[in-house]
Protein backbone atom coordinates (compact mmCIF):
# COMPACT_ATOMS: atom_id res chain seq x y z
CA MET A 1 0.00 0.00 0.00
CA ARG A 2 2.94 2.31 0.71
CA ALA A 3 3.98 2.02 -2.95
CA ASP A 4 0.46 3.05 -3.99
CA VAL A 5 0.64 6.14 -1.78
CA GLN A 6 4.05 7.00 -3.25
CA ARG A 7 2.69 6.69 -6.79
CA ILE A 8 -0.38 8.82 -6.02
CA ALA A 9 1.82 11.43 -4.33
CA ALA A 10 4.11 11.51 -7.37
CA LEU A 11 1.15 11.99 -9.72
CA ALA A 12 -0.12 14.82 -7.51
CA ARG A 13 3.39 16.28 -7.26
CA LEU A 14 3.38 15.95 -3.48
CA GLU A 15 6.54 15.56 -1.45
CA LEU A 16 5.72 13.38 1.56
CA THR A 17 7.90 12.57 4.53
CA GLU A 18 8.46 8.96 5.58
CA ALA A 19 6.06 9.50 8.49
CA GLU A 20 3.39 10.87 6.13
CA LEU A 21 3.85 7.93 3.74
CA ASP A 22 3.33 5.50 6.63
CA LEU A 23 0.32 7.42 7.95
CA PHE A 24 -1.37 7.73 4.56
CA ALA A 25 -0.69 4.07 3.76
CA ARG A 26 -2.40 3.05 7.02
CA GLN A 27 -5.31 5.41 6.33
CA LEU A 28 -5.72 4.19 2.75
CA THR A 29 -5.65 0.57 3.94
CA SER A 30 -8.35 1.38 6.50
CA ILE A 31 -10.52 3.13 3.92
CA LEU A 32 -10.23 0.26 1.43
CA GLU A 33 -10.96 -2.33 4.13
CA TYR A 34 -14.09 -0.40 5.11
CA ALA A 35 -15.20 -0.12 1.47
CA ASP A 36 -14.60 -3.85 1.07
CA SER A 37 -16.72 -4.57 4.17
CA LEU A 38 -19.67 -2.89 2.43
CA GLN A 39 -19.71 -5.80 -0.04
CA SER A 40 -21.15 -7.99 2.73
CA VAL A 41 -24.17 -5.73 3.33
CA ASP A 42 -27.44 -7.32 2.24
CA THR A 43 -29.04 -4.91 -0.22
CA ALA A 44 -31.75 -7.24 -1.47
CA GLY A 45 -34.94 -5.26 -1.97
CA VAL A 46 -33.23 -1.88 -1.72
CA GLU A 47 -34.00 0.41 -4.63
CA PRO A 48 -30.96 1.98 -6.32
CA TYR A 49 -30.38 5.61 -5.41
CA ALA A 50 -30.61 7.85 -8.46
CA GLY A 51 -29.40 11.02 -6.72
CA GLY A 52 -31.03 14.30 -5.96
CA VAL A 53 -33.56 15.23 -3.34
CA SER A 54 -36.99 14.21 -4.57
CA GLY A 55 -36.28 15.96 -7.86
CA VAL A 56 -36.43 19.39 -6.21
CA PRO A 57 -33.65 21.73 -7.35
CA LEU A 58 -31.59 23.16 -4.50
CA ARG A 59 -31.13 26.53 -6.20
CA GLU A 60 -32.11 28.37 -9.32
CA ASP A 61 -30.00 27.54 -12.36
CA VAL A 62 -28.89 31.06 -13.20
CA PRO A 63 -26.00 31.68 -15.59
CA VAL A 64 -23.19 33.76 -14.10
CA ALA A 65 -19.98 35.12 -15.54
CA SER A 66 -17.02 32.77 -15.30
CA LEU A 67 -13.35 33.56 -14.86
CA SER A 68 -11.62 35.19 -17.78
CA ARG A 69 -8.74 33.25 -19.31
CA VAL A 70 -6.29 35.77 -17.85
CA ASP A 71 -7.75 35.37 -14.35
CA ALA A 72 -7.78 31.58 -14.61
CA LEU A 73 -4.09 31.49 -15.59
CA ARG A 74 -2.99 34.19 -13.15
CA ASN A 75 -1.66 31.79 -10.48
CA ALA A 76 -0.15 29.24 -12.87
CA PRO A 77 3.65 29.38 -13.09
CA SER A 78 4.72 30.75 -16.46
CA ALA A 79 6.40 27.41 -17.22
CA ASP A 80 3.00 25.71 -16.87
CA ARG A 81 1.11 27.85 -19.38
CA ASP A 82 1.38 28.51 -23.08
CA ALA A 83 -0.77 30.51 -25.50
CA GLY A 84 -3.54 30.96 -22.94
CA THR A 85 -3.75 27.31 -21.88
CA PHE A 86 -2.45 25.21 -18.98
CA ILE A 87 0.41 22.82 -19.73
CA VAL A 88 0.05 19.58 -17.73
CA PRO A 89 2.16 16.41 -17.69
CA LYS A 90 0.96 13.39 -19.62
CA VAL A 91 -0.45 10.88 -17.11
CA ILE A 92 -1.98 8.31 -19.47
CA GLY A 93 0.48 6.32 -21.54
């Protein structure tokens, strides 16, 4: 599991200490064990949840102005942007 945490940290460009790697590996193991335990829950006769709250919208769907391209790129390092777009590393081979 520690190797999985290291790989995820590398993909997210996170530098983790040895203590953090151990902690996150334990936490990830715990989360996955809990998720696996849900497989044993009897769901016979339970209708699938389709999301939403009784089909009632939570707010009006009102269009609002979004960030301009300049504002969106403002905090990106200059090495990570080109011609008004973000430059990101290839993560799918």
